[in-house]
Amino acid sequence: MSKRSRRKRKKRIMLGISIGLPVAIIAVGIAIVLNITGKKGTAEQGTEETPVIAVPTATATPEPTPEVAVEAEPVEIIAADVADMNDTEDPGAQTEDGESVNVTDALKSSQFETSDMSIGIDVAKYQGTIDWPSVAASGVQFAIIRVGYRTQKTGIIYEDPCAKYNLQQAQAAGLKLGAYFFSTAVNEQEAQEEAAWVTNYIAQYKITYPVVYNCEGFKSADSRQYGLDKNTRSNCAVKFLDYVAAKGYTPMFYAARNELRDDTDWNTTTLSSKYKIWVSQYPDPPFPATSAPDYTGSYAMWQYTNAGAISGIKKGVDVNVAYFGYTQEAEAKDSTPYEMVAADPEVGITFTEVNDTVTAKSETNLRSVPSSADSSTIVAKLVYGDTANRTGIGNNGWARVIYNGQKLYAVNSYLTNDPNYAANTVPAAATNDAAAPAATTDKTADSLYSPVNELVTAKEETNLRTYPSTETGQVYALIKHGDTVTRTGIGSNGWSRISYDGQTLYAVTSFLQVAQ
């Protein structure tokens, strides 16, 4: 649930080590290697974390000049919309030593529940499109999936755009499912409305792990909950969780350690007497080097990092230790088959809505997804004079268009809404009798490149090619974020000249950044 920026220090840990906790738990045999961003405590209210950067595969096909289709790699986008803030925690200093916790006191509400420890993740749209078979192969046992949220400002309920895909694909991959909802309820009526929405939404899925009430960001002046007293907020949680329990699900309450401790921000005593508690606290060093959170109240699950890196997930992910497990999946409450959905191609991209008629400056590919990573996504080619309706411009450089009734995507810089673009861009005639110099057709010509000498890296990942063209240039190497190469020229043709391995190569300039 946490997406906040933090001081980074890489650690590598192995899950599946036998943990010396005060109760008998079965150590899970999991070989998940995680890159952890360590920090004592959790992060401050009202901010979001930039997760560990992960790189998607990107294989270019179009030509990156202003007149033709471009090799456009996906850009990692971290949403910063306060109205859709999913995770804000109040860290505070860690001032006391942790004590033994009898985790077997966690409430049981399923005949299939055991006291075995299990390891899982919780995810939302911030993780992008997840490869769930890869996640399952890593050894993760369960996934708590955000299904929806009520916005911080307007109070409107929305489904998470990845929820159905995540529920379906995680279930198909063999992971046991739980669900959570981000609440900004200001009264019990709204809390019950949220619970009814959630239980209806998840009814067709096998929800084995708890259904969780998550409420954060209430200390921010931008939140509709700002100034709401502790009792009112706690009563909203109770209303939500009681409704969930009445529908046959296991209720759970999530909050940061400092909010729970000593009934600081919640009526923790009441909540922990009725429901499972999921505590968030990120120690340094993380689990398993730190075997338990620095929290002395009762809890049934511990979120110990928000920056796990795991196969199948491109961005940082929350990792959790549950001090319970299940011998089998729960049955869906509604046996009606659910409608299968595909991954949302716009996840992680913020589109500015527009409505204009565009054509290609020369020609460009129209794709089913806003990425050139896979040539099979090319649906059509837009050429100059042919038109499409542009409905959105993404902050990753792609445009959403409607073409022949289909929603497709094109690189925005290769589109124009000027119907006379070709005529308006004809070079002016020479003003003297001397013949105008012939335009060079050699895209490697020195005259095209402003000389530089600097180390650069990929924003995410990009190809180094033998010629500045995705059609004729062969891929010589692939660099990822963190790999550095020497840039010797920045071209007016959209390419950078690179010195690498004794070779002169070329990379798309927009996919590079100066190395820090």
Protein backbone atom coordinates (compact mmCIF):
# COMPACT_ATOMS: atom_id res chain seq x y z
CA MET A 1 0.00 0.00 0.00
CA SER A 2 2.96 2.35 0.39
CA LYS A 3 4.42 4.33 -2.50
CA ARG A 4 6.58 6.95 -0.77
CA SER A 5 10.08 8.20 -1.56
CA ARG A 6 12.82 7.25 0.85
CA ARG A 7 16.61 7.20 1.34
CA LYS A 8 17.82 4.17 -0.55
CA ARG A 9 20.25 1.55 0.61
CA LYS A 10 20.11 -1.75 -1.20
CA LYS A 11 19.81 -4.93 0.71
CA ARG A 12 19.26 -8.46 -0.47
CA ILE A 13 17.29 -10.86 1.68
CA MET A 14 16.05 -14.38 1.25
CA LEU A 15 12.55 -15.29 2.36
CA GLY A 16 12.00 -18.75 3.73
CA ILE A 17 14.40 -18.63 6.66
CA SER A 18 13.12 -20.20 9.83
CA ILE A 19 12.07 -17.31 12.09
CA GLY A 20 12.55 -17.37 15.87
CA LEU A 21 9.18 -15.99 16.91
CA PRO A 22 7.54 -16.78 20.25
CA VAL A 23 5.03 -19.15 18.72
CA ALA A 24 5.43 -22.30 16.69
CA ILE A 25 5.19 -21.37 13.04
CA ILE A 26 6.24 -23.36 10.01
CA ALA A 27 9.01 -21.66 8.04
CA VAL A 28 8.05 -21.43 4.41
CA GLY A 29 10.40 -22.83 1.81
CA ILE A 30 10.40 -19.84 -0.47
CA ALA A 31 13.32 -18.63 -2.54
CA ILE A 32 12.29 -15.05 -3.29
CA VAL A 33 15.27 -12.76 -3.60
CA LEU A 34 14.20 -9.18 -2.96
CA ASN A 35 16.00 -5.89 -3.46
CA ILE A 36 14.91 -3.88 -0.44
CA THR A 37 15.07 -0.15 0.01
CA GLY A 38 15.80 0.18 3.71
CA LYS A 39 14.77 2.90 6.11
CA LYS A 40 13.92 2.95 9.78
CA GLY A 41 10.23 3.35 10.32
CA THR A 42 7.73 4.26 7.62
CA ALA A 43 7.43 7.38 5.55
CA GLU A 44 5.67 10.63 6.28
CA GLN A 45 2.03 11.47 5.68
CA GLY A 46 0.93 12.89 2.38
CA THR A 47 3.69 11.64 0.09
CA GLU A 48 4.13 8.77 -2.31
CA GLU A 49 7.16 6.63 -2.91
CA THR A 50 9.01 6.22 -6.13
CA PRO A 51 9.39 2.42 -6.23
CA VAL A 52 12.43 0.45 -7.20
CA ILE A 53 12.88 0.97 -10.96
CA ALA A 54 12.28 -2.11 -13.07
CA VAL A 55 12.79 -2.25 -16.80
CA PRO A 56 10.31 -3.62 -19.33
CA THR A 57 11.53 -5.24 -22.51
CA ALA A 58 11.57 -2.79 -25.36
CA THR A 59 12.36 -3.77 -28.92
CA ALA A 60 12.00 -0.94 -31.39
CA THR A 61 10.58 -1.11 -34.86
CA PRO A 62 9.78 2.37 -36.26
CA GLU A 63 12.18 5.11 -37.40
CA PRO A 64 12.77 7.90 -34.85
CA THR A 65 12.71 10.99 -37.03
CA PRO A 66 10.06 13.71 -36.74
CA GLU A 67 8.42 12.47 -39.92
CA VAL A 68 8.04 8.75 -39.24
CA ALA A 69 7.13 6.21 -36.62
CA VAL A 70 9.36 6.06 -33.58
CA GLU A 71 10.87 3.55 -31.25
CA ALA A 72 9.14 4.52 -28.04
CA GLU A 73 9.94 2.64 -24.89
CA PRO A 74 7.57 2.70 -21.92
CA VAL A 75 8.21 5.38 -19.35
CA GLU A 76 7.76 4.64 -15.66
CA ILE A 77 5.04 6.88 -14.34
CA ILE A 78 4.29 7.26 -10.64
CA ALA A 79 0.89 8.80 -10.02
CA ALA A 80 0.96 11.77 -7.65
CA ASP A 81 -2.70 12.62 -7.56
CA VAL A 82 -3.57 13.51 -3.98
CA ALA A 83 -7.19 12.69 -4.71
CA ASP A 84 -6.13 9.13 -5.46
CA MET A 85 -3.45 8.85 -2.79
CA ASN A 86 -3.31 5.20 -1.82
CA ASP A 87 -0.72 5.05 0.90
CA THR A 88 0.39 7.66 3.38
CA GLU A 89 1.90 6.67 6.67
CA ASP A 90 3.17 8.60 9.65
CA PRO A 91 6.58 7.19 10.65
CA GLY A 92 7.67 8.86 13.81
CA ALA A 93 10.85 7.79 15.54
CA GLN A 94 11.25 4.22 16.73
CA THR A 95 11.79 4.78 20.43
CA GLU A 96 11.10 1.47 22.16
CA ASP A 97 12.18 -2.12 21.81
CA GLY A 98 9.76 -4.63 20.39
CA GLU A 99 8.28 -7.26 22.69
CA SER A 100 7.10 -10.81 22.18
CA VAL A 101 3.73 -11.03 20.51
CA ASN A 102 1.42 -14.02 20.76
CA VAL A 103 0.35 -14.16 17.15
CA THR A 104 -1.76 -17.25 17.73
CA ASP A 105 -4.32 -14.96 19.34
CA ALA A 106 -5.19 -13.70 15.85
CA LEU A 107 -8.87 -14.29 15.25
CA LYS A 108 -9.82 -17.24 13.08
CA SER A 109 -12.89 -17.05 10.90
CA SER A 110 -12.32 -19.91 8.49
CA GLN A 111 -12.30 -23.65 9.08
CA PHE A 112 -9.43 -23.83 6.59
CA GLU A 113 -7.26 -21.32 8.43
CA THR A 114 -4.03 -22.52 10.03
CA SER A 115 -1.33 -20.94 12.20
CA ASP A 116 1.31 -21.50 9.52
CA MET A 117 3.22 -18.44 8.42
CA SER A 118 2.75 -17.34 4.81
CA ILE A 119 4.42 -14.74 2.63
CA GLY A 120 2.52 -12.45 0.29
CA ILE A 121 2.31 -9.12 -1.47
CA ASP A 122 -0.27 -6.38 -1.81
CA VAL A 123 -0.67 -4.56 -5.10
CA ALA A 124 -2.57 -1.79 -6.84
CA LYS A 125 -2.39 0.00 -10.18
CA TYR A 126 0.96 1.45 -9.14
CA GLN A 127 2.64 -1.88 -9.92
CA GLY A 128 1.44 -1.69 -13.53
CA THR A 129 0.61 -4.85 -15.48
CA ILE A 130 1.86 -7.83 -13.47
CA ASP A 131 3.11 -11.13 -14.85
CA TRP A 132 1.33 -13.30 -12.31
CA PRO A 133 2.76 -16.69 -13.38
CA SER A 134 6.24 -15.27 -12.72
CA VAL A 135 5.12 -14.00 -9.33
CA ALA A 136 3.69 -17.40 -8.45
CA ALA A 137 6.88 -19.14 -9.61
CA SER A 138 8.89 -16.98 -7.20
CA GLY A 139 7.18 -18.62 -4.23
CA VAL A 140 4.78 -15.86 -3.17
CA GLN A 141 1.75 -17.52 -1.61
CA PHE A 142 -0.93 -14.84 -1.53
CA ALA A 143 -1.83 -11.43 -2.93
CA ILE A 144 -3.95 -8.75 -1.29
CA ILE A 145 -5.31 -6.77 -4.23
CA ARG A 146 -6.68 -3.25 -4.11
CA VAL A 147 -10.10 -3.42 -5.69
CA GLY A 148 -11.14 0.20 -5.30
CA TYR A 149 -10.85 3.52 -3.54
CA ARG A 150 -12.84 6.58 -2.55
CA THR A 151 -11.05 9.73 -3.65
CA GLN A 152 -9.52 12.08 -1.09
CA LYS A 153 -11.14 15.22 -2.47
CA THR A 154 -14.40 14.37 -4.23
CA GLY A 155 -15.39 11.25 -2.31
CA ILE A 156 -16.26 9.33 -5.46
CA ILE A 157 -15.73 5.54 -5.44
CA TYR A 158 -13.65 4.11 -8.28
CA GLU A 159 -12.45 0.62 -9.03
CA ASP A 160 -8.71 0.14 -9.30
CA PRO A 161 -8.07 -0.12 -13.06
CA CYS A 162 -5.96 -3.24 -12.55
CA ALA A 163 -8.26 -4.94 -10.04
CA LYS A 164 -10.15 -7.39 -12.24
CA TYR A 165 -7.07 -8.32 -14.21
CA ASN A 166 -5.07 -8.85 -11.01
CA LEU A 167 -7.80 -10.90 -9.35
CA GLN A 168 -8.27 -13.12 -12.39
CA GLN A 169 -4.63 -13.61 -13.25
CA ALA A 170 -3.39 -14.10 -9.69
CA GLN A 171 -6.13 -16.65 -9.05
CA ALA A 172 -5.32 -18.46 -12.30
CA ALA A 173 -1.63 -18.53 -11.34
CA GLY A 174 -2.48 -20.36 -8.12
CA LEU A 175 -2.09 -17.55 -5.56
CA LYS A 176 -4.64 -17.23 -2.79
CA LEU A 177 -6.46 -13.91 -2.87
CA GLY A 178 -7.33 -11.19 -0.43
CA ALA A 179 -8.66 -7.70 -1.16
CA TYR A 180 -8.39 -4.21 0.21
CA PHE A 181 -10.22 -0.91 -0.23
CA PHE A 182 -8.83 2.57 0.34
CA SER A 183 -11.45 4.48 2.30
CA THR A 184 -12.04 8.17 2.84
CA ALA A 185 -15.43 7.68 4.46
CA VAL A 186 -16.53 10.59 6.66
CA ASN A 187 -19.46 8.78 8.26
CA GLU A 188 -20.76 5.28 8.87
CA GLN A 189 -23.21 5.48 5.97
CA GLU A 190 -20.34 6.02 3.55
CA ALA A 191 -18.33 3.21 5.17
CA GLN A 192 -21.22 0.79 4.68
CA GLU A 193 -21.59 1.98 1.09
CA GLU A 194 -17.91 1.15 0.55
CA ALA A 195 -18.28 -2.29 2.12
CA ALA A 196 -21.32 -3.08 -0.01
CA TRP A 197 -19.44 -1.97 -3.12
CA VAL A 198 -16.45 -4.15 -2.24
CA THR A 199 -18.35 -7.31 -1.36
CA ASN A 200 -20.39 -7.03 -4.55
CA TYR A 201 -17.24 -6.44 -6.60
CA ILE A 202 -15.35 -9.48 -5.25
CA ALA A 203 -18.28 -11.90 -5.04
CA GLN A 204 -17.27 -13.88 -8.14
CA TYR A 205 -13.68 -14.40 -7.00
CA LYS A 206 -12.18 -16.87 -4.54
CA ILE A 207 -11.29 -14.52 -1.72
CA THR A 208 -9.48 -16.67 0.84
CA TYR A 209 -7.36 -14.10 2.68
CA PRO A 210 -8.94 -11.15 4.50
CA VAL A 211 -10.85 -8.21 3.10
CA VAL A 212 -9.07 -5.14 4.42
CA TYR A 213 -10.08 -1.62 5.44
CA ASN A 214 -7.30 0.84 4.58
CA CYS A 215 -7.61 4.50 5.56
CA GLU A 216 -4.66 6.87 5.30
CA GLY A 217 -3.84 10.49 4.53
CA PHE A 218 -6.44 11.86 6.94
CA LYS A 219 -3.89 14.28 8.44
CA SER A 220 -3.45 16.03 5.11
CA ALA A 221 -5.34 19.28 4.71
CA ASP A 222 -6.25 18.10 1.19
CA SER A 223 -8.18 15.12 2.54
CA ARG A 224 -11.94 15.22 2.99
CA GLN A 225 -11.27 13.43 6.29
CA TYR A 226 -9.07 16.24 7.61
CA GLY A 227 -10.20 17.16 11.11
CA LEU A 228 -12.31 14.03 11.49
CA ASP A 229 -11.96 12.77 15.07
CA LYS A 230 -10.53 9.37 16.00
CA ASN A 231 -13.87 7.96 17.18
CA THR A 232 -15.64 8.82 13.93
CA ARG A 233 -12.89 7.27 11.83
CA SER A 234 -12.80 4.15 13.99
CA ASN A 235 -16.57 3.79 13.84
CA CYS A 236 -16.35 3.94 10.04
CA ALA A 237 -13.82 1.11 10.11
CA VAL A 238 -16.06 -0.96 12.39
CA LYS A 239 -19.07 -0.40 10.12
CA PHE A 240 -17.11 -1.49 7.06
CA LEU A 241 -15.55 -4.54 8.68
CA ASP A 242 -18.76 -5.74 10.33
CA TYR A 243 -20.47 -5.60 6.95
CA VAL A 244 -17.63 -7.56 5.37
CA ALA A 245 -17.82 -10.20 8.11
CA ALA A 246 -21.58 -10.51 7.68
CA LYS A 247 -20.98 -11.32 4.01
CA GLY A 248 -18.75 -14.23 4.98
CA TYR A 249 -15.30 -12.71 4.53
CA THR A 250 -12.48 -12.40 7.07
CA PRO A 251 -12.25 -8.72 8.11
CA MET A 252 -8.88 -7.05 8.67
CA PHE A 253 -7.79 -3.53 9.62
CA TYR A 254 -4.59 -2.00 8.20
CA ALA A 255 -2.62 0.90 9.68
CA ALA A 256 0.89 2.06 10.42
CA ARG A 257 2.46 1.12 13.73
CA ASN A 258 2.54 4.69 15.08
CA GLU A 259 -1.14 5.20 14.30
CA LEU A 260 -2.07 2.03 16.18
CA ARG A 261 0.22 2.34 19.17
CA ASP A 262 -1.43 3.54 22.39
CA ASP A 263 -4.70 4.24 20.53
CA THR A 264 -2.99 7.27 18.99
CA ASP A 265 -5.06 7.70 15.81
CA TRP A 266 -7.45 4.78 16.06
CA ASN A 267 -9.42 3.03 18.78
CA THR A 268 -6.95 0.20 18.45
CA THR A 269 -8.11 -1.61 21.57
CA THR A 270 -11.60 -1.95 20.12
CA LEU A 271 -10.45 -2.80 16.60
CA SER A 272 -7.94 -5.44 17.70
CA SER A 273 -10.52 -7.12 19.91
CA LYS A 274 -12.80 -7.71 16.91
CA TYR A 275 -10.62 -8.01 13.81
CA LYS A 276 -7.27 -9.14 12.53
CA ILE A 277 -4.75 -6.30 12.56
CA TRP A 278 -2.32 -5.70 9.71
CA VAL A 279 0.51 -3.50 10.92
CA SER A 280 2.87 -1.58 8.67
CA GLN A 281 6.40 -0.89 9.89
CA TYR A 282 9.65 -0.99 7.93
CA PRO A 283 12.68 -1.80 10.08
CA ASP A 284 16.32 -1.52 9.15
CA PRO A 285 17.47 -4.21 8.64
CA PRO A 286 14.27 -5.70 7.24
CA PHE A 287 12.75 -9.13 7.74
CA PRO A 288 14.10 -11.76 8.28
CA ALA A 289 17.11 -10.03 9.88
CA THR A 290 14.51 -8.20 11.97
CA SER A 291 12.16 -10.97 12.97
CA ALA A 292 9.14 -8.90 14.07
CA PRO A 293 7.85 -5.33 13.91
CA ASP A 294 8.50 -2.82 16.64
CA TYR A 295 4.89 -2.97 17.79
CA THR A 296 3.68 -4.40 21.08
CA GLY A 297 -0.01 -4.72 20.28
CA SER A 298 -1.66 -7.77 18.77
CA TYR A 299 -1.37 -8.25 15.03
CA ALA A 300 -1.88 -11.02 12.50
CA MET A 301 0.04 -9.66 9.51
CA TRP A 302 3.10 -7.45 9.08
CA GLN A 303 3.95 -5.34 6.04
CA TYR A 304 7.71 -5.03 6.41
CA THR A 305 8.74 -3.26 3.21
CA ASN A 306 7.21 -1.29 0.39
CA ALA A 307 10.11 -1.75 -2.02
CA GLY A 308 10.40 -5.43 -2.78
CA ALA A 309 11.63 -6.32 -6.26
CA ILE A 310 10.26 -9.57 -7.55
CA SER A 311 10.06 -11.34 -10.88
CA GLY A 312 6.93 -10.40 -12.79
CA ILE A 313 6.50 -6.95 -11.21
CA LYS A 314 8.23 -3.98 -12.79
CA LYS A 315 7.97 -1.64 -9.81
CA GLY A 316 8.46 -1.75 -6.07
CA VAL A 317 5.94 -3.87 -4.22
CA ASP A 318 4.81 -4.28 -0.62
CA VAL A 319 5.82 -7.57 1.02
CA ASN A 320 4.04 -9.09 3.99
CA VAL A 321 4.38 -11.82 6.58
CA ALA A 322 1.03 -13.32 7.57
CA TYR A 323 1.03 -15.34 10.75
CA PHE A 324 -1.69 -17.55 9.37
CA GLY A 325 -2.39 -19.50 6.22
CA TYR A 326 -5.09 -21.62 4.60
CA THR A 327 -5.20 -25.24 3.60
CA GLN A 328 -7.40 -24.52 0.60
CA GLU A 329 -9.04 -21.73 -1.33
CA ALA A 330 -12.40 -20.30 -0.36
CA GLU A 331 -15.25 -20.67 -2.80
CA ALA A 332 -16.62 -17.60 -4.56
CA LYS A 333 -19.80 -16.22 -3.01
CA ASP A 334 -21.32 -15.88 -6.47
CA SER A 335 -20.81 -18.86 -8.78
CA THR A 336 -21.65 -16.83 -11.88
CA PRO A 337 -18.57 -16.87 -14.15
CA TYR A 338 -16.86 -13.51 -14.29
CA GLU A 339 -16.11 -11.75 -17.55
CA MET A 340 -12.43 -12.08 -18.46
CA VAL A 341 -10.61 -8.81 -18.96
CA ALA A 342 -7.32 -7.90 -20.60
CA ALA A 343 -4.66 -5.76 -19.01
CA ASP A 344 -5.42 -2.04 -19.19
CA PRO A 345 -2.81 -0.58 -21.60
CA GLU A 346 -3.10 2.88 -20.01
CA VAL A 347 -2.14 1.84 -16.50
CA GLY A 348 0.60 4.09 -15.16
CA ILE A 349 0.07 6.78 -17.81
CA THR A 350 -1.68 10.07 -17.15
CA PHE A 351 -3.61 11.22 -20.21
CA THR A 352 -4.67 14.81 -20.82
CA GLU A 353 -8.02 14.60 -22.55
CA VAL A 354 -8.21 16.32 -25.96
CA ASN A 355 -10.48 16.11 -28.98
CA ASP A 356 -8.93 17.02 -32.31
CA THR A 357 -8.34 15.63 -35.78
CA VAL A 358 -4.77 14.66 -36.53
CA THR A 359 -2.71 13.17 -39.31
CA ALA A 360 0.81 11.83 -39.42
CA LYS A 361 3.58 14.30 -40.21
CA SER A 362 4.79 11.62 -42.58
CA GLU A 363 3.72 8.20 -41.38
CA THR A 364 3.59 6.43 -38.04
CA ASN A 365 2.41 3.16 -36.58
CA LEU A 366 -0.89 2.86 -34.74
CA ARG A 367 -0.66 0.26 -31.99
CA SER A 368 -3.01 -1.52 -29.65
CA VAL A 369 -0.86 -0.47 -26.68
CA PRO A 370 1.21 2.68 -26.02
CA SER A 371 4.53 0.88 -26.39
CA SER A 372 6.75 -0.28 -29.23
CA ALA A 373 8.12 -3.23 -27.27
CA ASP A 374 6.28 -5.75 -29.43
CA SER A 375 5.89 -5.40 -33.19
CA SER A 376 2.77 -7.57 -33.07
CA THR A 377 0.89 -4.66 -31.47
CA ILE A 378 0.96 -2.68 -34.76
CA VAL A 379 -2.64 -2.52 -36.01
CA ALA A 380 -2.39 0.06 -38.77
CA LYS A 381 -0.17 2.75 -40.26
CA LEU A 382 -1.28 6.37 -40.38
CA VAL A 383 0.10 8.31 -43.35
CA TYR A 384 0.03 12.01 -44.08
CA GLY A 385 -3.43 13.02 -45.26
CA ASP A 386 -5.18 10.15 -43.52
CA THR A 387 -6.85 11.29 -40.30
CA ALA A 388 -7.68 10.00 -36.83
CA ASN A 389 -9.42 11.49 -33.83
CA ARG A 390 -6.94 12.20 -31.02
CA THR A 391 -8.65 11.84 -27.63
CA GLY A 392 -5.74 11.97 -25.20
CA ILE A 393 -2.08 12.92 -24.86
CA GLY A 394 -0.13 10.82 -22.36
CA ASN A 395 2.71 12.02 -20.17
CA ASN A 396 4.83 9.23 -21.67
CA GLY A 397 4.82 10.78 -25.15
CA TRP A 398 2.04 8.65 -26.63
CA ALA A 399 -1.32 9.79 -27.97
CA ARG A 400 -4.60 7.91 -27.78
CA VAL A 401 -6.51 8.02 -31.07
CA ILE A 402 -9.69 6.62 -32.55
CA TYR A 403 -9.04 5.21 -36.01
CA ASN A 404 -11.62 3.23 -37.99
CA GLY A 405 -13.61 2.84 -34.78
CA GLN A 406 -10.68 1.38 -32.81
CA LYS A 407 -8.88 2.87 -29.82
CA LEU A 408 -5.20 2.86 -30.76
CA TYR A 409 -1.98 4.64 -29.78
CA ALA A 410 0.65 6.60 -31.69
CA VAL A 411 3.76 8.56 -30.77
CA ASN A 412 2.37 12.05 -30.25
CA SER A 413 5.32 13.95 -31.70
CA TYR A 414 4.72 12.32 -35.09
CA LEU A 415 1.17 13.59 -35.28
CA THR A 416 -0.07 17.02 -36.28
CA ASN A 417 -3.43 18.74 -36.22
CA ASP A 418 -2.32 21.10 -39.00
CA PRO A 419 -4.13 19.92 -42.16
CA ASN A 420 -1.61 21.85 -44.27
CA TYR A 421 1.44 20.57 -42.43
CA ALA A 422 3.36 19.50 -45.55
CA ALA A 423 2.86 22.83 -47.31
CA ASN A 424 3.70 24.80 -44.19
CA THR A 425 6.99 22.96 -43.68
CA VAL A 426 8.42 23.30 -47.20
CA PRO A 427 11.86 24.98 -46.90
CA ALA A 428 12.04 28.56 -48.15
CA ALA A 429 13.52 29.04 -51.62
CA ALA A 430 17.14 30.17 -51.93
CA THR A 431 17.48 33.98 -52.01
CA ASN A 432 20.49 34.12 -54.32
CA ASP A 433 21.67 32.47 -57.47
CA ALA A 434 23.78 29.92 -55.66
CA ALA A 435 22.34 26.45 -55.59
CA ALA A 436 20.97 25.41 -52.20
CA PRO A 437 23.10 22.73 -50.59
CA ALA A 438 21.77 19.24 -51.11
CA ALA A 439 20.27 17.65 -47.99
CA THR A 440 22.39 14.87 -46.65
CA THR A 441 20.93 11.39 -46.67
CA ASP A 442 23.63 10.00 -44.40
CA LYS A 443 22.11 9.93 -40.93
CA THR A 444 25.53 9.40 -39.38
CA ALA A 445 26.97 12.62 -40.85
CA ASP A 446 28.87 14.70 -38.31
CA SER A 447 26.93 17.78 -39.37
CA LEU A 448 23.79 16.29 -37.84
CA TYR A 449 25.30 15.93 -34.37
CA SER A 450 26.25 18.56 -31.81
CA PRO A 451 29.43 17.27 -30.17
CA VAL A 452 29.29 16.37 -26.47
CA ASN A 453 31.30 14.16 -24.16
CA GLU A 454 29.18 12.86 -21.31
CA LEU A 455 28.12 9.69 -19.55
CA VAL A 456 24.50 8.75 -20.11
CA THR A 457 22.23 5.90 -19.05
CA ALA A 458 18.86 4.61 -20.22
CA LYS A 459 15.79 6.09 -18.56
CA GLU A 460 14.61 2.50 -18.38
CA GLU A 461 16.12 0.46 -21.20
CA THR A 462 17.04 1.14 -24.82
CA ASN A 463 18.78 -0.42 -27.80
CA LEU A 464 22.17 0.63 -29.12
CA ARG A 465 22.11 0.30 -32.90
CA THR A 466 24.72 0.24 -35.64
CA TYR A 467 22.85 2.91 -37.61
CA PRO A 468 20.36 5.59 -36.43
CA SER A 469 17.31 3.79 -37.75
CA THR A 470 15.03 1.16 -36.29
CA GLU A 471 14.46 -0.24 -39.77
CA THR A 472 18.05 -0.64 -41.01
CA GLY A 473 20.10 -0.27 -37.84
CA GLN A 474 20.98 -3.57 -36.22
CA VAL A 475 20.74 -3.92 -32.44
CA TYR A 476 24.28 -4.22 -31.14
CA ALA A 477 23.55 -4.01 -27.41
CA LEU A 478 20.84 -3.26 -24.87
CA ILE A 479 21.50 -0.93 -21.95
CA LYS A 480 19.36 -0.61 -18.86
CA HIS A 481 18.96 2.11 -16.27
CA GLY A 482 22.22 2.29 -14.36
CA ASP A 483 24.38 1.08 -17.26
CA THR A 484 26.53 3.98 -18.47
CA VAL A 485 27.88 4.74 -21.94
CA THR A 486 29.65 7.74 -23.45
CA ARG A 487 27.56 10.04 -25.62
CA THR A 488 29.67 11.89 -28.20
CA GLY A 489 26.91 13.68 -30.10
CA ILE A 490 23.27 14.73 -29.92
CA GLY A 491 21.63 14.69 -33.32
CA SER A 492 18.97 16.88 -34.86
CA ASN A 493 17.47 13.63 -36.14
CA GLY A 494 16.33 12.44 -32.69
CA TRP A 495 19.31 10.11 -32.18
CA SER A 496 22.37 10.25 -29.95
CA ARG A 497 25.78 9.05 -31.08
CA ILE A 498 27.31 6.64 -28.58
CA SER A 499 30.81 5.28 -28.04
CA TYR A 500 30.49 1.74 -26.70
CA ASP A 501 32.79 -1.25 -26.72
CA GLY A 502 35.06 0.46 -29.26
CA GLN A 503 32.08 0.95 -31.59
CA THR A 504 30.17 4.02 -32.72
CA LEU A 505 26.51 3.26 -32.09
CA TYR A 506 23.24 5.14 -31.89
CA ALA A 507 20.36 5.36 -29.41
CA VAL A 508 17.11 7.31 -29.33
CA THR A 509 17.89 10.54 -27.47
CA SER A 510 14.56 10.73 -25.64
CA PHE A 511 15.27 7.38 -23.98
CA LEU A 512 18.56 8.53 -22.46
CA GLN A 513 19.44 10.70 -19.51
CA VAL A 514 22.70 12.08 -18.17
CA ALA A 515 24.08 9.68 -15.58
CA GLN A 516 24.12 10.97 -12.02
